[in-house]
Amino acid sequence: MPSYVLLTLAAAWLHAISFTLAKRLWVYSRDPFQISILSQVACALIAALALPWAGLDIVTAMPGTLIGIGLCVVAGQVFFILALRHGDASFVVPMLGLKLFAVAGFSAVWLGETYAPLVYLGAAGAFASLFLLSDGTLRGSLRSALLVTAAALLYGMTDVLLVSALHRGATVLQVGVYSMLMPALLTAPLTLALVPGRWRVGAPFGRALGGYAAVQMAGMVFLMIAFGLAGKATIVNIVQTSRGLWVLAVVYGMGRLGMAGVERLTGAQYRVRAIGALLLMGSLTLAVLAHH
């Protein structure tokens, strides 16, 4: 198995844990804006620790790319949050899988990255499996569908910009560090000015944010290395959809441990998600084998 696949699977597993930890942040705060901003800041603070090794060369070499990455992440997050306000999570979260096709389209145009038809068939199967893994339906408002499509396009553009930076000579460390720093740098001044009260964080909330950020950053390290080894955006994104499978396992494990803020699934939900997991594994296997 190619090393980039193993690294992407590791990243997907870590991000499944961080996603579940992010959901647990609601135990400490009921303010989605506060959770969104502070989780970004927590990741940025950890990324900043690596600045002495990442250096500032990339800032002068490709400032437009870094700003583009930051703007795409911030705007994508805004659209995603708005989509959740206008549609059920069971519709919005799987629809974010449209990012696969956004990455495929953007990378074909800007990176000259194309694949055999079976790879794209595997991507379609992976996208379909997300609805089963999330108990998703095809019911949702037109507004939520448009908003989540916009978020998927922006997140897709983010990954293409990341791979583009690697192609242009940026190191994996530089891309990883600045992809975490830029969104926080772009939003922090405005947030500080408009909502200073939302920066008050108690010790339990601070520990939860730190745990989330540490796992999220660890997953980002593996993902950036995978992008660097593969040199391509689409195939890595296809393998990354395995996060939906890992989330199922993580939720089950944390639920068994009695952790607060973790959803409880019924037997019927586990059976539906198991079918989704089989479809996902088959789709990923098809995509990877067809690519090689």
Protein backbone atom coordinates (compact mmCIF):
# COMPACT_ATOMS: atom_id res chain seq x y z
CA MET A 1 0.00 0.00 0.00
CA PRO A 2 1.41 3.42 -0.94
CA SER A 3 2.79 5.38 2.02
CA TYR A 4 0.59 8.40 1.27
CA VAL A 5 -2.49 6.19 1.67
CA LEU A 6 -1.34 5.00 5.11
CA LEU A 7 -0.57 8.57 6.16
CA THR A 8 -3.95 9.80 4.93
CA LEU A 9 -5.71 7.01 6.81
CA ALA A 10 -3.81 8.02 9.96
CA ALA A 11 -4.79 11.66 9.40
CA ALA A 12 -8.42 10.66 8.87
CA TRP A 13 -8.41 8.68 12.13
CA LEU A 14 -6.95 11.61 14.07
CA HIS A 15 -9.40 14.04 12.48
CA ALA A 16 -12.26 11.71 13.38
CA ILE A 17 -11.15 12.03 17.01
CA SER A 18 -10.77 15.81 16.74
CA PHE A 19 -14.21 16.08 15.09
CA THR A 20 -15.76 14.19 18.00
CA LEU A 21 -13.82 16.32 20.50
CA ALA A 22 -15.08 19.44 18.71
CA LYS A 23 -18.65 18.26 19.21
CA ARG A 24 -17.88 17.87 22.93
CA LEU A 25 -16.99 21.57 23.12
CA TRP A 26 -20.75 22.19 23.31
CA VAL A 27 -20.55 20.85 26.86
CA TYR A 28 -18.59 24.00 27.79
CA SER A 29 -20.16 26.62 25.52
CA ARG A 30 -23.45 27.05 23.67
CA ASP A 31 -22.09 29.82 21.45
CA PRO A 32 -21.22 28.43 17.97
CA PHE A 33 -19.33 31.60 17.07
CA GLN A 34 -17.15 31.32 20.16
CA ILE A 35 -16.45 27.64 19.53
CA SER A 36 -15.59 28.27 15.89
CA ILE A 37 -13.20 31.15 16.57
CA LEU A 38 -11.52 29.73 19.66
CA SER A 39 -10.94 26.33 18.06
CA GLN A 40 -9.15 28.13 15.20
CA VAL A 41 -7.10 30.17 17.66
CA ALA A 42 -6.15 27.07 19.66
CA CYS A 43 -4.83 25.39 16.50
CA ALA A 44 -2.98 28.56 15.50
CA LEU A 45 -1.25 28.80 18.90
CA ILE A 46 0.07 25.25 18.56
CA ALA A 47 1.12 25.88 14.95
CA ALA A 48 2.94 29.04 16.03
CA LEU A 49 5.29 26.92 18.15
CA ALA A 50 6.78 25.59 14.89
CA LEU A 51 7.37 29.04 13.37
CA PRO A 52 11.13 29.06 14.17
CA TRP A 53 11.52 26.01 11.94
CA ALA A 54 8.99 27.01 9.29
CA GLY A 55 10.53 30.45 8.87
CA LEU A 56 9.14 33.46 7.04
CA ASP A 57 10.44 32.74 3.52
CA ILE A 58 7.07 31.46 2.33
CA VAL A 59 5.42 34.72 3.40
CA THR A 60 7.51 36.76 0.96
CA ALA A 61 7.57 34.03 -1.72
CA MET A 62 3.83 33.41 -2.04
CA PRO A 63 1.79 35.88 0.05
CA GLY A 64 -1.19 35.67 -2.33
CA THR A 65 -1.43 31.90 -1.92
CA LEU A 66 -1.30 32.15 1.89
CA ILE A 67 -3.96 34.84 1.98
CA GLY A 68 -6.08 32.79 -0.44
CA ILE A 69 -5.81 29.76 1.85
CA GLY A 70 -6.82 31.81 4.87
CA LEU A 71 -9.75 33.48 3.12
CA CYS A 72 -11.04 30.16 1.72
CA VAL A 73 -10.92 28.51 5.15
CA VAL A 74 -12.66 31.44 6.89
CA ALA A 75 -15.32 31.89 4.20
CA GLY A 76 -15.89 28.13 3.98
CA GLN A 77 -16.43 27.92 7.71
CA VAL A 78 -18.92 30.81 7.61
CA PHE A 79 -20.91 29.17 4.81
CA PHE A 80 -20.83 25.80 6.61
CA ILE A 81 -22.14 27.29 9.86
CA LEU A 82 -24.88 29.15 7.96
CA ALA A 83 -25.81 25.92 6.16
CA LEU A 84 -26.23 24.18 9.52
CA ARG A 85 -28.55 26.99 10.62
CA HIS A 86 -30.81 26.46 7.60
CA GLY A 87 -30.67 22.66 7.29
CA ASP A 88 -30.31 19.51 9.39
CA ALA A 89 -26.82 18.24 10.09
CA SER A 90 -27.82 14.87 8.61
CA PHE A 91 -28.22 16.67 5.28
CA VAL A 92 -25.49 19.31 5.50
CA VAL A 93 -22.57 17.22 6.77
CA PRO A 94 -22.74 14.52 4.06
CA MET A 95 -23.30 17.18 1.39
CA LEU A 96 -19.94 18.66 2.38
CA GLY A 97 -18.58 15.57 0.61
CA LEU A 98 -19.11 17.58 -2.58
CA LYS A 99 -15.63 18.85 -1.75
CA LEU A 100 -14.35 15.70 -3.48
CA PHE A 101 -15.69 16.89 -6.81
CA ALA A 102 -14.61 20.47 -6.18
CA VAL A 103 -11.05 19.27 -5.61
CA ALA A 104 -11.20 17.06 -8.69
CA GLY A 105 -12.40 19.95 -10.87
CA PHE A 106 -10.04 22.61 -9.53
CA SER A 107 -7.00 20.31 -9.57
CA ALA A 108 -7.72 19.25 -13.15
CA VAL A 109 -7.85 22.90 -14.26
CA TRP A 110 -5.00 24.40 -12.21
CA LEU A 111 -2.73 21.42 -11.51
CA GLY A 112 -3.35 19.32 -14.62
CA GLU A 113 -4.36 16.44 -12.33
CA THR A 114 -6.58 13.81 -13.96
CA TYR A 115 -7.37 10.16 -13.21
CA ALA A 116 -8.86 7.05 -14.77
CA PRO A 117 -12.68 6.88 -14.79
CA LEU A 118 -12.72 4.21 -12.06
CA VAL A 119 -11.06 6.65 -9.63
CA TYR A 120 -13.92 9.10 -10.10
CA LEU A 121 -16.40 6.22 -9.71
CA GLY A 122 -14.75 5.43 -6.39
CA ALA A 123 -15.12 9.10 -5.39
CA ALA A 124 -18.83 8.97 -6.24
CA GLY A 125 -19.25 5.84 -4.11
CA ALA A 126 -17.39 7.45 -1.21
CA PHE A 127 -19.67 10.50 -1.45
CA ALA A 128 -22.80 8.31 -1.43
CA SER A 129 -21.53 6.39 1.62
CA LEU A 130 -21.37 9.62 3.65
CA PHE A 131 -25.18 9.79 3.72
CA LEU A 132 -25.39 6.32 5.25
CA LEU A 133 -22.59 7.03 7.72
CA SER A 134 -24.35 10.19 8.88
CA ASP A 135 -27.90 8.81 8.77
CA GLY A 136 -28.34 11.43 6.06
CA THR A 137 -31.33 12.08 3.86
CA LEU A 138 -31.86 13.97 0.66
CA ARG A 139 -34.21 16.37 2.43
CA GLY A 140 -33.00 19.89 2.99
CA SER A 141 -33.80 23.46 2.07
CA LEU A 142 -32.50 24.98 -1.15
CA ARG A 143 -30.74 27.64 0.91
CA SER A 144 -28.84 25.08 2.99
CA ALA A 145 -27.91 23.16 -0.19
CA LEU A 146 -26.50 26.31 -1.82
CA LEU A 147 -24.61 27.31 1.32
CA VAL A 148 -23.00 23.90 1.86
CA THR A 149 -22.10 23.74 -1.85
CA ALA A 150 -20.33 27.08 -1.47
CA ALA A 151 -18.50 25.73 1.60
CA ALA A 152 -17.45 22.60 -0.31
CA LEU A 153 -16.11 24.68 -3.20
CA LEU A 154 -14.08 26.87 -0.83
CA TYR A 155 -12.68 23.91 1.11
CA GLY A 156 -11.83 22.23 -2.19
CA MET A 157 -9.98 25.33 -3.35
CA THR A 158 -8.07 25.34 -0.05
CA ASP A 159 -6.63 21.88 -0.69
CA VAL A 160 -5.70 22.77 -4.27
CA LEU A 161 -3.90 25.89 -3.04
CA LEU A 162 -2.05 23.79 -0.47
CA VAL A 163 -0.84 21.32 -3.10
CA SER A 164 -0.01 24.21 -5.43
CA ALA A 165 2.22 25.71 -2.72
CA LEU A 166 4.01 22.36 -2.36
CA HIS A 167 4.53 22.20 -6.13
CA ARG A 168 6.09 25.67 -6.02
CA GLY A 169 8.71 24.70 -3.48
CA ALA A 170 7.11 25.26 -0.07
CA THR A 171 7.94 22.62 2.52
CA VAL A 172 5.34 20.42 4.17
CA LEU A 173 6.09 22.13 7.50
CA GLN A 174 5.58 25.61 6.04
CA VAL A 175 2.29 24.71 4.39
CA GLY A 176 0.97 23.01 7.52
CA VAL A 177 1.95 25.85 9.86
CA TYR A 178 0.64 28.70 7.74
CA SER A 179 -2.59 26.92 6.78
CA MET A 180 -3.39 27.01 10.52
CA LEU A 181 -2.06 30.50 11.21
CA MET A 182 -3.63 32.43 8.35
CA PRO A 183 -7.35 31.90 9.21
CA ALA A 184 -6.75 32.96 12.81
CA LEU A 185 -4.69 35.98 11.77
CA LEU A 186 -7.38 37.11 9.35
CA THR A 187 -10.24 36.81 11.84
CA ALA A 188 -8.69 37.52 15.24
CA PRO A 189 -8.44 41.34 15.02
CA LEU A 190 -12.08 41.70 13.97
CA THR A 191 -13.23 39.25 16.61
CA LEU A 192 -11.25 40.97 19.35
CA ALA A 193 -12.82 44.31 18.44
CA LEU A 194 -16.41 43.13 18.09
CA VAL A 195 -16.86 40.40 20.67
CA PRO A 196 -14.26 40.69 23.45
CA GLY A 197 -16.55 38.97 25.95
CA ARG A 198 -16.41 35.74 23.98
CA TRP A 199 -12.71 35.33 24.70
CA ARG A 200 -13.28 34.49 28.36
CA VAL A 201 -12.48 30.80 28.76
CA GLY A 202 -12.59 28.76 31.95
CA ALA A 203 -10.04 26.04 32.75
CA PRO A 204 -12.24 23.06 31.66
CA PHE A 205 -13.10 24.76 28.35
CA GLY A 206 -9.43 25.66 27.84
CA ARG A 207 -8.35 22.05 28.38
CA ALA A 208 -11.00 20.82 25.96
CA LEU A 209 -9.86 23.33 23.33
CA GLY A 210 -6.23 22.31 23.86
CA GLY A 211 -7.03 18.62 23.48
CA TYR A 212 -9.01 19.26 20.30
CA ALA A 213 -6.27 21.45 18.81
CA ALA A 214 -3.47 18.99 19.62
CA VAL A 215 -5.23 16.09 17.90
CA GLN A 216 -6.34 18.29 14.98
CA MET A 217 -2.76 19.48 14.43
CA ALA A 218 -1.38 15.94 14.63
CA GLY A 219 -3.81 14.91 11.90
CA MET A 220 -2.82 17.95 9.85
CA VAL A 221 0.85 16.92 10.03
CA PHE A 222 0.07 13.49 8.58
CA LEU A 223 -2.20 15.00 5.93
CA MET A 224 0.39 17.54 4.78
CA ILE A 225 3.01 14.80 4.48
CA ALA A 226 0.53 12.72 2.47
CA PHE A 227 -0.08 15.66 0.12
CA GLY A 228 3.67 16.07 -0.26
CA LEU A 229 4.28 12.39 -1.05
CA ALA A 230 1.32 12.01 -3.41
CA GLY A 231 1.84 15.40 -5.08
CA LYS A 232 -1.87 15.30 -5.85
CA ALA A 233 -4.99 16.61 -4.16
CA THR A 234 -7.87 14.45 -5.40
CA ILE A 235 -6.68 10.96 -4.51
CA VAL A 236 -5.70 12.11 -1.01
CA ASN A 237 -9.15 13.65 -0.54
CA ILE A 238 -10.82 10.42 -1.65
CA VAL A 239 -8.88 8.40 0.93
CA GLN A 240 -9.58 11.09 3.53
CA THR A 241 -13.30 10.31 3.36
CA SER A 242 -12.45 7.28 5.51
CA ARG A 243 -12.84 9.77 8.35
CA GLY A 244 -16.56 8.99 8.23
CA LEU A 245 -15.77 5.37 9.08
CA TRP A 246 -13.35 6.32 11.85
CA VAL A 247 -15.91 8.73 13.35
CA LEU A 248 -18.31 5.82 13.76
CA ALA A 249 -15.68 3.83 15.67
CA VAL A 250 -14.60 6.81 17.78
CA VAL A 251 -18.19 7.73 18.72
CA TYR A 252 -18.84 4.13 19.72
CA GLY A 253 -15.66 3.96 21.82
CA MET A 254 -16.20 7.30 23.57
CA GLY A 255 -19.84 6.45 24.17
CA ARG A 256 -18.84 3.17 25.82
CA LEU A 257 -16.46 5.13 28.06
CA GLY A 258 -19.36 7.38 29.09
CA MET A 259 -17.80 10.62 27.86
CA ALA A 260 -20.15 13.62 28.00
CA GLY A 261 -21.22 15.34 24.80
CA VAL A 262 -20.89 12.24 22.59
CA GLU A 263 -23.96 11.13 20.64
CA ARG A 264 -25.61 7.83 21.48
CA LEU A 265 -26.50 5.61 18.53
CA THR A 266 -29.27 3.02 18.30
CA GLY A 267 -28.80 -0.45 16.93
CA ALA A 268 -30.60 0.54 13.71
CA GLN A 269 -28.24 3.49 13.26
CA TYR A 270 -25.21 1.25 13.67
CA ARG A 271 -26.58 -1.17 11.05
CA VAL A 272 -27.20 1.63 8.51
CA ARG A 273 -23.77 3.08 9.17
CA ALA A 274 -22.18 -0.36 8.84
CA ILE A 275 -23.61 -0.58 5.30
CA GLY A 276 -22.18 2.88 4.64
CA ALA A 277 -18.81 1.72 5.99
CA LEU A 278 -18.76 -1.25 3.60
CA LEU A 279 -19.63 1.00 0.66
CA LEU A 280 -16.92 3.44 1.71
CA MET A 281 -14.24 0.78 2.03
CA GLY A 282 -15.15 -0.67 -1.35
CA SER A 283 -15.11 2.76 -2.98
CA LEU A 284 -11.73 3.69 -1.48
CA THR A 285 -10.22 0.37 -2.51
CA LEU A 286 -11.50 0.86 -6.07
CA ALA A 287 -10.13 4.40 -6.26
CA VAL A 288 -6.69 3.51 -4.93
CA LEU A 289 -6.30 0.36 -7.06
CA ALA A 290 -7.47 2.19 -10.20
CA HIS A 291 -4.99 5.00 -9.48
CA HIS A 292 -2.11 2.53 -9.30
